[in-house]
Amino acid sequence: MGNTLFYVTGGAWASQNRADLLPGVGQFNEWKNASGWTAGGGAEFLVNPHWTVKTEALWVDLNSVSYAGGISPSGGIFAAGHMDVNFFVFRGGVNYKF
């Protein structure tokens, strides 16, 4: 469409997530790997024959991540459970074409 390219994109996404308990309650943190999908779209605008600028928005869904929890100083179990990991990514860029 003239000097503008509109597009949709999607694919796989992987990350490593960490859950931390606030200090004073007990010492606990746990790392978990998560995988899921991403989908979104964007636009790239031709500024001149060599330069473009772009903007993009992505939705990321990493499903649910479960955490085992830990033992508090008093012997109780805390922070066990799961959380849904979903978020938006907004990004922009400038490209130089040779």
PDB file of N, CA and C in Angstrom:
ATOM      1  N   MET A   1       0.854  -1.177   0.000  1.00  0.00           N
ATOM      2  CA  MET A   1       0.000   0.000   0.000  1.00  0.00           C
ATOM      3  C   MET A   1       0.898   1.238   0.000  1.00  0.00           C
ATOM      4  N   GLY A   2       1.330   1.634  -1.157  1.00  0.00           N
ATOM      5  CA  GLY A   2       2.188   2.801  -1.245  1.00  0.00           C
ATOM      6  C   GLY A   2       3.521   2.550  -0.581  1.00  0.00           C
ATOM      7  N   ASN A   3       3.865   3.382   0.375  1.00  0.00           N
ATOM      8  CA  ASN A   3       5.129   3.255   1.100  1.00  0.00           C
ATOM      9  C   ASN A   3       4.980   2.530   2.439  1.00  0.00           C
ATOM     10  N   THR A   4       3.856   1.834   2.649  1.00  0.00           N
ATOM     11  CA  THR A   4       3.599   1.162   3.914  1.00  0.00           C
ATOM     12  C   THR A   4       3.374  -0.330   3.698  1.00  0.00           C
ATOM     13  N   LEU A   5       4.028  -1.138   4.515  1.00  0.00           N
ATOM     14  CA  LEU A   5       3.843  -2.586   4.506  1.00  0.00           C
ATOM     15  C   LEU A   5       3.171  -2.986   5.807  1.00  0.00           C
ATOM     16  N   PHE A   6       1.969  -3.526   5.731  1.00  0.00           N
ATOM     17  CA  PHE A   6       1.269  -4.058   6.901  1.00  0.00           C
ATOM     18  C   PHE A   6       1.490  -5.565   6.924  1.00  0.00           C
ATOM     19  N   TYR A   7       1.679  -6.136   8.115  1.00  0.00           N
ATOM     20  CA  TYR A   7       1.940  -7.570   8.176  1.00  0.00           C
ATOM     21  C   TYR A   7       1.406  -8.176   9.469  1.00  0.00           C
ATOM     22  N   VAL A   8       1.215  -9.482   9.432  1.00  0.00           N
ATOM     23  CA  VAL A   8       0.896 -10.276  10.620  1.00  0.00           C
ATOM     24  C   VAL A   8       2.035 -11.264  10.811  1.00  0.00           C
ATOM     25  N   THR A   9       2.246 -11.659  12.049  1.00  0.00           N
ATOM     26  CA  THR A   9       3.345 -12.567  12.363  1.00  0.00           C
ATOM     27  C   THR A   9       2.924 -13.494  13.490  1.00  0.00           C
ATOM     28  N   GLY A  10       3.605 -14.594  13.628  1.00  0.00           N
ATOM     29  CA  GLY A  10       3.314 -15.527  14.702  1.00  0.00           C
ATOM     30  C   GLY A  10       4.397 -16.582  14.787  1.00  0.00           C
ATOM     31  N   GLY A  11       4.394 -17.322  15.875  1.00  0.00           N
ATOM     32  CA  GLY A  11       5.368 -18.384  16.027  1.00  0.00           C
ATOM     33  C   GLY A  11       5.469 -18.880  17.452  1.00  0.00           C
ATOM     34  N   ALA A  12       6.564 -19.559  17.722  1.00  0.00           N
ATOM     35  CA  ALA A  12       6.817 -20.126  19.048  1.00  0.00           C
ATOM     36  C   ALA A  12       7.565 -19.118  19.907  1.00  0.00           C
ATOM     37  N   TRP A  13       7.387 -19.232  21.223  1.00  0.00           N
ATOM     38  CA  TRP A  13       8.056 -18.355  22.179  1.00  0.00           C
ATOM     39  C   TRP A  13       8.497 -19.217  23.359  1.00  0.00           C
ATOM     40  N   ALA A  14       9.690 -18.963  23.864  1.00  0.00           N
ATOM     41  CA  ALA A  14      10.188 -19.668  25.043  1.00  0.00           C
ATOM     42  C   ALA A  14      10.824 -18.658  25.980  1.00  0.00           C
ATOM     43  N   SER A  15      10.708 -18.907  27.278  1.00  0.00           N
ATOM     44  CA  SER A  15      11.312 -18.008  28.253  1.00  0.00           C
ATOM     45  C   SER A  15      11.647 -18.776  29.521  1.00  0.00           C
ATOM     46  N   GLN A  16      12.390 -18.115  30.383  1.00  0.00           N
ATOM     47  CA  GLN A  16      12.678 -18.656  31.703  1.00  0.00           C
ATOM     48  C   GLN A  16      12.102 -17.665  32.711  1.00  0.00           C
ATOM     49  N   ASN A  17      11.259 -18.142  33.616  1.00  0.00           N
ATOM     50  CA  ASN A  17      10.554 -17.301  34.582  1.00  0.00           C
ATOM     51  C   ASN A  17      11.020 -17.631  35.988  1.00  0.00           C
ATOM     52  N   ARG A  18      10.970 -16.635  36.860  1.00  0.00           N
ATOM     53  CA  ARG A  18      11.387 -16.840  38.247  1.00  0.00           C
ATOM     54  C   ARG A  18      10.323 -16.304  39.189  1.00  0.00           C
ATOM     55  N   ALA A  19      10.019 -17.084  40.215  1.00  0.00           N
ATOM     56  CA  ALA A  19       9.113 -16.650  41.285  1.00  0.00           C
ATOM     57  C   ALA A  19       9.952 -16.389  42.520  1.00  0.00           C
ATOM     58  N   ASP A  20       9.747 -15.251  43.154  1.00  0.00           N
ATOM     59  CA  ASP A  20      10.472 -14.871  44.364  1.00  0.00           C
ATOM     60  C   ASP A  20       9.483 -14.597  45.491  1.00  0.00           C
ATOM     61  N   LEU A  21       9.856 -15.003  46.688  1.00  0.00           N
ATOM     62  CA  LEU A  21       9.084 -14.651  47.871  1.00  0.00           C
ATOM     63  C   LEU A  21       9.749 -13.454  48.517  1.00  0.00           C
ATOM     64  N   LEU A  22       8.965 -12.542  49.045  1.00  0.00           N
ATOM     65  CA  LEU A  22       9.517 -11.343  49.657  1.00  0.00           C
ATOM     66  C   LEU A  22      10.390 -11.679  50.854  1.00  0.00           C
ATOM     67  N   PRO A  23      11.497 -10.962  51.060  1.00  0.00           N
ATOM     68  CA  PRO A  23      12.361 -11.205  52.225  1.00  0.00           C
ATOM     69  C   PRO A  23      11.581 -11.042  53.525  1.00  0.00           C
ATOM     70  N   GLY A  24      11.979 -11.785  54.536  1.00  0.00           N
ATOM     71  CA  GLY A  24      11.321 -11.715  55.828  1.00  0.00           C
ATOM     72  C   GLY A  24      10.278 -12.793  56.025  1.00  0.00           C
ATOM     73  N   VAL A  25       9.786 -13.356  54.935  1.00  0.00           N
ATOM     74  CA  VAL A  25       8.779 -14.411  55.036  1.00  0.00           C
ATOM     75  C   VAL A  25       9.445 -15.782  54.944  1.00  0.00           C
ATOM     76  N   GLY A  26      10.554 -15.851  54.278  1.00  0.00           N
ATOM     77  CA  GLY A  26      11.284 -17.091  54.075  1.00  0.00           C
ATOM     78  C   GLY A  26      12.086 -16.971  52.798  1.00  0.00           C
ATOM     79  N   GLN A  27      13.071 -17.801  52.658  1.00  0.00           N
ATOM     80  CA  GLN A  27      13.903 -17.737  51.463  1.00  0.00           C
ATOM     81  C   GLN A  27      13.389 -18.718  50.422  1.00  0.00           C
ATOM     82  N   PHE A  28      12.966 -18.202  49.278  1.00  0.00           N
ATOM     83  CA  PHE A  28      12.488 -19.071  48.206  1.00  0.00           C
ATOM     84  C   PHE A  28      12.555 -18.332  46.889  1.00  0.00           C
ATOM     85  N   ASN A  29      13.140 -18.942  45.905  1.00  0.00           N
ATOM     86  CA  ASN A  29      12.963 -18.530  44.522  1.00  0.00           C
ATOM     87  C   ASN A  29      13.113 -19.767  43.661  1.00  0.00           C
ATOM     88  N   GLU A  30      12.406 -19.785  42.558  1.00  0.00           N
ATOM     89  CA  GLU A  30      12.406 -20.961  41.692  1.00  0.00           C
ATOM     90  C   GLU A  30      12.344 -20.513  40.241  1.00  0.00           C
ATOM     91  N   TRP A  31      13.209 -21.085  39.427  1.00  0.00           N
ATOM     92  CA  TRP A  31      13.235 -20.817  37.986  1.00  0.00           C
ATOM     93  C   TRP A  31      12.464 -21.911  37.256  1.00  0.00           C
ATOM     94  N   LYS A  32      11.687 -21.513  36.257  1.00  0.00           N
ATOM     95  CA  LYS A  32      10.936 -22.468  35.437  1.00  0.00           C
ATOM     96  C   LYS A  32      11.050 -22.067  33.972  1.00  0.00           C
ATOM     97  N   ASN A  33      11.193 -23.052  33.114  1.00  0.00           N
ATOM     98  CA  ASN A  33      11.141 -22.815  31.680  1.00  0.00           C
ATOM     99  C   ASN A  33       9.688 -22.867  31.235  1.00  0.00           C
ATOM    100  N   ALA A  34       9.333 -22.023  30.294  1.00  0.00           N
ATOM    101  CA  ALA A  34       7.972 -21.992  29.776  1.00  0.00           C
ATOM    102  C   ALA A  34       8.034 -21.851  28.264  1.00  0.00           C
ATOM    103  N   SER A  35       7.061 -22.426  27.602  1.00  0.00           N
ATOM    104  CA  SER A  35       6.989 -22.281  26.144  1.00  0.00           C
ATOM    105  C   SER A  35       5.536 -22.082  25.751  1.00  0.00           C
ATOM    106  N   GLY A  36       5.339 -21.467  24.623  1.00  0.00           N
ATOM    107  CA  GLY A  36       3.995 -21.200  24.143  1.00  0.00           C
ATOM    108  C   GLY A  36       4.037 -20.599  22.760  1.00  0.00           C
ATOM    109  N   TRP A  37       3.137 -19.687  22.498  1.00  0.00           N
ATOM    110  CA  TRP A  37       3.005 -19.120  21.160  1.00  0.00           C
ATOM    111  C   TRP A  37       2.920 -17.607  21.222  1.00  0.00           C
ATOM    112  N   THR A  38       3.120 -16.988  20.076  1.00  0.00           N
ATOM    113  CA  THR A  38       2.973 -15.546  19.945  1.00  0.00           C
ATOM    114  C   THR A  38       2.310 -15.228  18.610  1.00  0.00           C
ATOM    115  N   ALA A  39       1.541 -14.155  18.580  1.00  0.00           N
ATOM    116  CA  ALA A  39       0.899 -13.693  17.347  1.00  0.00           C
ATOM    117  C   ALA A  39       0.737 -12.182  17.439  1.00  0.00           C
ATOM    118  N   GLY A  40       0.798 -11.534  16.314  1.00  0.00           N
ATOM    119  CA  GLY A  40       0.642 -10.081  16.309  1.00  0.00           C
ATOM    120  C   GLY A  40       0.724  -9.518  14.910  1.00  0.00           C
ATOM    121  N   GLY A  41       1.004  -8.248  14.854  1.00  0.00           N
ATOM    122  CA  GLY A  41       1.095  -7.574  13.571  1.00  0.00           C
ATOM    123  C   GLY A  41       1.811  -6.255  13.706  1.00  0.00           C
ATOM    124  N   GLY A  42       2.054  -5.645  12.580  1.00  0.00           N
ATOM    125  CA  GLY A  42       2.752  -4.376  12.596  1.00  0.00           C
ATOM    126  C   GLY A  42       2.694  -3.677  11.255  1.00  0.00           C
ATOM    127  N   ALA A  43       3.450  -2.607  11.172  1.00  0.00           N
ATOM    128  CA  ALA A  43       3.538  -1.824   9.943  1.00  0.00           C
ATOM    129  C   ALA A  43       4.955  -1.299   9.794  1.00  0.00           C
ATOM    130  N   GLU A  44       5.436  -1.297   8.558  1.00  0.00           N
ATOM    131  CA  GLU A  44       6.753  -0.752   8.245  1.00  0.00           C
ATOM    132  C   GLU A  44       6.567   0.329   7.184  1.00  0.00           C
ATOM    133  N   PHE A  45       7.166   1.489   7.437  1.00  0.00           N
ATOM    134  CA  PHE A  45       6.982   2.653   6.571  1.00  0.00           C
ATOM    135  C   PHE A  45       8.293   3.007   5.877  1.00  0.00           C
ATOM    136  N   LEU A  46       8.246   3.167   4.574  1.00  0.00           N
ATOM    137  CA  LEU A  46       9.416   3.558   3.793  1.00  0.00           C
ATOM    138  C   LEU A  46       9.603   5.067   3.916  1.00  0.00           C
ATOM    139  N   VAL A  47      10.743   5.485   4.477  1.00  0.00           N
ATOM    140  CA  VAL A  47      11.049   6.903   4.640  1.00  0.00           C
ATOM    141  C   VAL A  47      11.731   7.437   3.382  1.00  0.00           C
ATOM    142  N   ASN A  48      12.721   6.695   2.882  1.00  0.00           N
ATOM    143  CA  ASN A  48      13.379   6.986   1.606  1.00  0.00           C
ATOM    144  C   ASN A  48      13.896   5.651   1.071  1.00  0.00           C
ATOM    145  N   PRO A  49      14.576   5.592  -0.057  1.00  0.00           N
ATOM    146  CA  PRO A  49      14.970   4.289  -0.621  1.00  0.00           C
ATOM    147  C   PRO A  49      15.827   3.414   0.299  1.00  0.00           C
ATOM    148  N   HIS A  50      16.462   3.973   1.318  1.00  0.00           N
ATOM    149  CA  HIS A  50      17.316   3.171   2.187  1.00  0.00           C
ATOM    150  C   HIS A  50      16.804   3.014   3.618  1.00  0.00           C
ATOM    151  N   TRP A  51      15.918   3.844   4.082  1.00  0.00           N
ATOM    152  CA  TRP A  51      15.493   3.832   5.484  1.00  0.00           C
ATOM    153  C   TRP A  51      14.010   3.501   5.629  1.00  0.00           C
ATOM    154  N   THR A  52      13.708   2.653   6.635  1.00  0.00           N
ATOM    155  CA  THR A  52      12.327   2.381   7.017  1.00  0.00           C
ATOM    156  C   THR A  52      12.216   2.494   8.540  1.00  0.00           C
ATOM    157  N   VAL A  53      11.014   2.765   9.008  1.00  0.00           N
ATOM    158  CA  VAL A  53      10.709   2.712  10.437  1.00  0.00           C
ATOM    159  C   VAL A  53       9.542   1.748  10.602  1.00  0.00           C
ATOM    160  N   LYS A  54       9.516   1.068  11.757  1.00  0.00           N
ATOM    161  CA  LYS A  54       8.451   0.090  11.954  1.00  0.00           C
ATOM    162  C   LYS A  54       7.972   0.079  13.391  1.00  0.00           C
ATOM    163  N   THR A  55       6.756  -0.428  13.563  1.00  0.00           N
ATOM    164  CA  THR A  55       6.172  -0.637  14.874  1.00  0.00           C
ATOM    165  C   THR A  55       5.451  -1.975  14.838  1.00  0.00           C
ATOM    166  N   GLU A  56       5.437  -2.671  15.998  1.00  0.00           N
ATOM    167  CA  GLU A  56       4.880  -4.012  16.052  1.00  0.00           C
ATOM    168  C   GLU A  56       4.298  -4.268  17.432  1.00  0.00           C
ATOM    169  N   ALA A  57       3.227  -5.036  17.478  1.00  0.00           N
ATOM    170  CA  ALA A  57       2.619  -5.471  18.738  1.00  0.00           C
ATOM    171  C   ALA A  57       2.441  -6.983  18.684  1.00  0.00           C
ATOM    172  N   LEU A  58       2.833  -7.663  19.761  1.00  0.00           N
ATOM    173  CA  LEU A  58       2.720  -9.118  19.848  1.00  0.00           C
ATOM    174  C   LEU A  58       1.997  -9.516  21.130  1.00  0.00           C
ATOM    175  N   TRP A  59       1.155 -10.517  21.053  1.00  0.00           N
ATOM    176  CA  TRP A  59       0.565 -11.139  22.222  1.00  0.00           C
ATOM    177  C   TRP A  59       1.323 -12.435  22.468  1.00  0.00           C
ATOM    178  N   VAL A  60       1.781 -12.668  23.694  1.00  0.00           N
ATOM    179  CA  VAL A  60       2.538 -13.874  24.049  1.00  0.00           C
ATOM    180  C   VAL A  60       1.736 -14.654  25.081  1.00  0.00           C
ATOM    181  N   ASP A  61       1.549 -15.947  24.835  1.00  0.00           N
ATOM    182  CA  ASP A  61       0.827 -16.828  25.751  1.00  0.00           C
ATOM    183  C   ASP A  61       1.735 -18.011  26.072  1.00  0.00           C
ATOM    184  N   LEU A  62       2.231 -18.057  27.315  1.00  0.00           N
ATOM    185  CA  LEU A  62       3.119 -19.137  27.748  1.00  0.00           C
ATOM    186  C   LEU A  62       2.392 -20.151  28.631  1.00  0.00           C
ATOM    187  N   ASN A  63       1.076 -20.158  28.552  1.00  0.00           N
ATOM    188  CA  ASN A  63       0.265 -21.113  29.301  1.00  0.00           C
ATOM    189  C   ASN A  63       0.417 -20.910  30.804  1.00  0.00           C
ATOM    190  N   SER A  64       0.353 -21.970  31.560  1.00  0.00           N
ATOM    191  CA  SER A  64       0.420 -21.906  33.013  1.00  0.00           C
ATOM    192  C   SER A  64       1.735 -22.501  33.495  1.00  0.00           C
ATOM    193  N   VAL A  65       2.371 -21.843  34.453  1.00  0.00           N
ATOM    194  CA  VAL A  65       3.630 -22.314  35.021  1.00  0.00           C
ATOM    195  C   VAL A  65       3.373 -22.668  36.483  1.00  0.00           C
ATOM    196  N   SER A  66       3.746 -23.893  36.889  1.00  0.00           N
ATOM    197  CA  SER A  66       3.550 -24.340  38.271  1.00  0.00           C
ATOM    198  C   SER A  66       4.843 -24.208  39.063  1.00  0.00           C
ATOM    199  N   TYR A  67       4.699 -23.775  40.309  1.00  0.00           N
ATOM    200  CA  TYR A  67       5.831 -23.645  41.221  1.00  0.00           C
ATOM    201  C   TYR A  67       5.591 -24.545  42.420  1.00  0.00           C
ATOM    202  N   ALA A  68       6.651 -25.234  42.857  1.00  0.00           N
ATOM    203  CA  ALA A  68       6.531 -26.216  43.936  1.00  0.00           C
ATOM    204  C   ALA A  68       6.434 -25.568  45.304  1.00  0.00           C
ATOM    205  N   GLY A  69       6.966 -24.387  45.481  1.00  0.00           N
ATOM    206  CA  GLY A  69       6.949 -23.734  46.784  1.00  0.00           C
ATOM    207  C   GLY A  69       8.202 -24.064  47.568  1.00  0.00           C
ATOM    208  N   GLY A  70       8.181 -23.764  48.839  1.00  0.00           N
ATOM    209  CA  GLY A  70       9.347 -23.986  49.682  1.00  0.00           C
ATOM    210  C   GLY A  70       8.938 -24.124  51.130  1.00  0.00           C
ATOM    211  N   ILE A  71       9.912 -24.214  51.987  1.00  0.00           N
ATOM    212  CA  ILE A  71       9.677 -24.375  53.423  1.00  0.00           C
ATOM    213  C   ILE A  71      10.043 -23.065  54.122  1.00  0.00           C
ATOM    214  N   SER A  72       9.121 -22.526  54.895  1.00  0.00           N
ATOM    215  CA  SER A  72       9.380 -21.304  55.650  1.00  0.00           C
ATOM    216  C   SER A  72      10.207 -21.636  56.895  1.00  0.00           C
ATOM    217  N   PRO A  73      10.786 -20.615  57.543  1.00  0.00           N
ATOM    218  CA  PRO A  73      11.548 -20.856  58.776  1.00  0.00           C
ATOM    219  C   PRO A  73      10.715 -21.558  59.854  1.00  0.00           C
ATOM    220  N   SER A  74       9.406 -21.360  59.851  1.00  0.00           N
ATOM    221  CA  SER A  74       8.549 -22.015  60.854  1.00  0.00           C
ATOM    222  C   SER A  74       8.156 -23.425  60.430  1.00  0.00           C
ATOM    223  N   GLY A  75       8.588 -23.857  59.223  1.00  0.00           N
ATOM    224  CA  GLY A  75       8.300 -25.216  58.773  1.00  0.00           C
ATOM    225  C   GLY A  75       7.089 -25.329  57.871  1.00  0.00           C
ATOM    226  N   GLY A  76       6.387 -24.227  57.640  1.00  0.00           N
ATOM    227  CA  GLY A  76       5.215 -24.275  56.768  1.00  0.00           C
ATOM    228  C   GLY A  76       5.582 -24.190  55.297  1.00  0.00           C
ATOM    229  N   ILE A  77       4.678 -24.636  54.453  1.00  0.00           N
ATOM    230  CA  ILE A  77       4.887 -24.566  52.998  1.00  0.00           C
ATOM    231  C   ILE A  77       4.273 -23.267  52.486  1.00  0.00           C
ATOM    232  N   PHE A  78       4.979 -22.599  51.588  1.00  0.00           N
ATOM    233  CA  PHE A  78       4.471 -21.352  51.029  1.00  0.00           C
ATOM    234  C   PHE A  78       4.739 -21.291  49.525  1.00  0.00           C
ATOM    235  N   ALA A  79       4.039 -20.427  48.876  1.00  0.00           N
ATOM    236  CA  ALA A  79       4.235 -20.064  47.470  1.00  0.00           C
ATOM    237  C   ALA A  79       4.000 -21.204  46.489  1.00  0.00           C
ATOM    238  N   ALA A  80       3.356 -22.286  46.902  1.00  0.00           N
ATOM    239  CA  ALA A  80       3.036 -23.345  45.962  1.00  0.00           C
ATOM    240  C   ALA A  80       1.842 -22.908  45.115  1.00  0.00           C
ATOM    241  N   GLY A  81       1.872 -23.231  43.869  1.00  0.00           N
ATOM    242  CA  GLY A  81       0.755 -22.893  43.002  1.00  0.00           C
ATOM    243  C   GLY A  81       1.207 -22.713  41.570  1.00  0.00           C
ATOM    244  N   HIS A  82       0.425 -21.976  40.830  1.00  0.00           N
ATOM    245  CA  HIS A  82       0.759 -21.731  39.425  1.00  0.00           C
ATOM    246  C   HIS A  82       0.339 -20.327  39.044  1.00  0.00           C
ATOM    247  N   MET A  83       0.863 -19.881  37.933  1.00  0.00           N
ATOM    248  CA  MET A  83       0.458 -18.582  37.405  1.00  0.00           C
ATOM    249  C   MET A  83       0.375 -18.673  35.892  1.00  0.00           C
ATOM    250  N   ASP A  84      -0.556 -17.939  35.331  1.00  0.00           N
ATOM    251  CA  ASP A  84      -0.670 -17.826  33.883  1.00  0.00           C
ATOM    252  C   ASP A  84       0.296 -16.752  33.418  1.00  0.00           C
ATOM    253  N   VAL A  85       1.085 -17.074  32.398  1.00  0.00           N
ATOM    254  CA  VAL A  85       2.082 -16.134  31.889  1.00  0.00           C
ATOM    255  C   VAL A  85       1.631 -15.674  30.504  1.00  0.00           C
ATOM    256  N   ASN A  86       1.044 -14.485  30.464  1.00  0.00           N
ATOM    257  CA  ASN A  86       0.555 -13.873  29.228  1.00  0.00           C
ATOM    258  C   ASN A  86       0.929 -12.401  29.261  1.00  0.00           C
ATOM    259  N   PHE A  87       1.371 -11.862  28.130  1.00  0.00           N
ATOM    260  CA  PHE A  87       1.729 -10.444  28.108  1.00  0.00           C
ATOM    261  C   PHE A  87       1.816  -9.931  26.680  1.00  0.00           C
ATOM    262  N   PHE A  88       1.798  -8.599  26.550  1.00  0.00           N
ATOM    263  CA  PHE A  88       1.981  -7.917  25.273  1.00  0.00           C
ATOM    264  C   PHE A  88       3.417  -7.447  25.151  1.00  0.00           C
ATOM    265  N   VAL A  89       3.934  -7.458  23.932  1.00  0.00           N
ATOM    266  CA  VAL A  89       5.239  -6.881  23.610  1.00  0.00           C
ATOM    267  C   VAL A  89       4.993  -5.817  22.544  1.00  0.00           C
ATOM    268  N   PHE A  90       5.441  -4.605  22.813  1.00  0.00           N
ATOM    269  CA  PHE A  90       5.376  -3.522  21.832  1.00  0.00           C
ATOM    270  C   PHE A  90       6.802  -3.138  21.485  1.00  0.00           C
ATOM    271  N   ARG A  91       7.099  -3.036  20.205  1.00  0.00           N
ATOM    272  CA  ARG A  91       8.455  -2.634  19.823  1.00  0.00           C
ATOM    273  C   ARG A  91       8.428  -1.834  18.539  1.00  0.00           C
ATOM    274  N   GLY A  92       9.485  -1.069  18.381  1.00  0.00           N
ATOM    275  CA  GLY A  92       9.642  -0.259  17.196  1.00  0.00           C
ATOM    276  C   GLY A  92      11.075  -0.402  16.703  1.00  0.00           C
ATOM    277  N   GLY A  93      11.321   0.029  15.488  1.00  0.00           N
ATOM    278  CA  GLY A  93      12.665  -0.096  14.961  1.00  0.00           C
ATOM    279  C   GLY A  93      12.913   0.819  13.782  1.00  0.00           C
ATOM    280  N   VAL A  94      14.168   0.927  13.455  1.00  0.00           N
ATOM    281  CA  VAL A  94      14.633   1.670  12.291  1.00  0.00           C
ATOM    282  C   VAL A  94      15.521   0.721  11.500  1.00  0.00           C
ATOM    283  N   ASN A  95      15.298   0.613  10.206  1.00  0.00           N
ATOM    284  CA  ASN A  95      16.082  -0.284   9.359  1.00  0.00           C
ATOM    285  C   ASN A  95      16.786   0.498   8.261  1.00  0.00           C
ATOM    286  N   TYR A  96      18.008   0.071   7.964  1.00  0.00           N
ATOM    287  CA  TYR A  96      18.740   0.600   6.818  1.00  0.00           C
ATOM    288  C   TYR A  96      18.879  -0.521   5.803  1.00  0.00           C
ATOM    289  N   LYS A  97      18.464  -0.277   4.605  1.00  0.00           N
ATOM    290  CA  LYS A  97      18.524  -1.287   3.535  1.00  0.00           C
ATOM    291  C   LYS A  97      19.666  -0.952   2.578  1.00  0.00           C
ATOM    292  N   PHE A  98      20.565  -1.929   2.383  1.00  0.00           N
ATOM    293  CA  PHE A  98      21.733  -1.736   1.526  1.00  0.00           C
ATOM    294  C   PHE A  98      21.372  -1.835   0.060  1.00  0.00           C
TER     295      PHE A  98
END
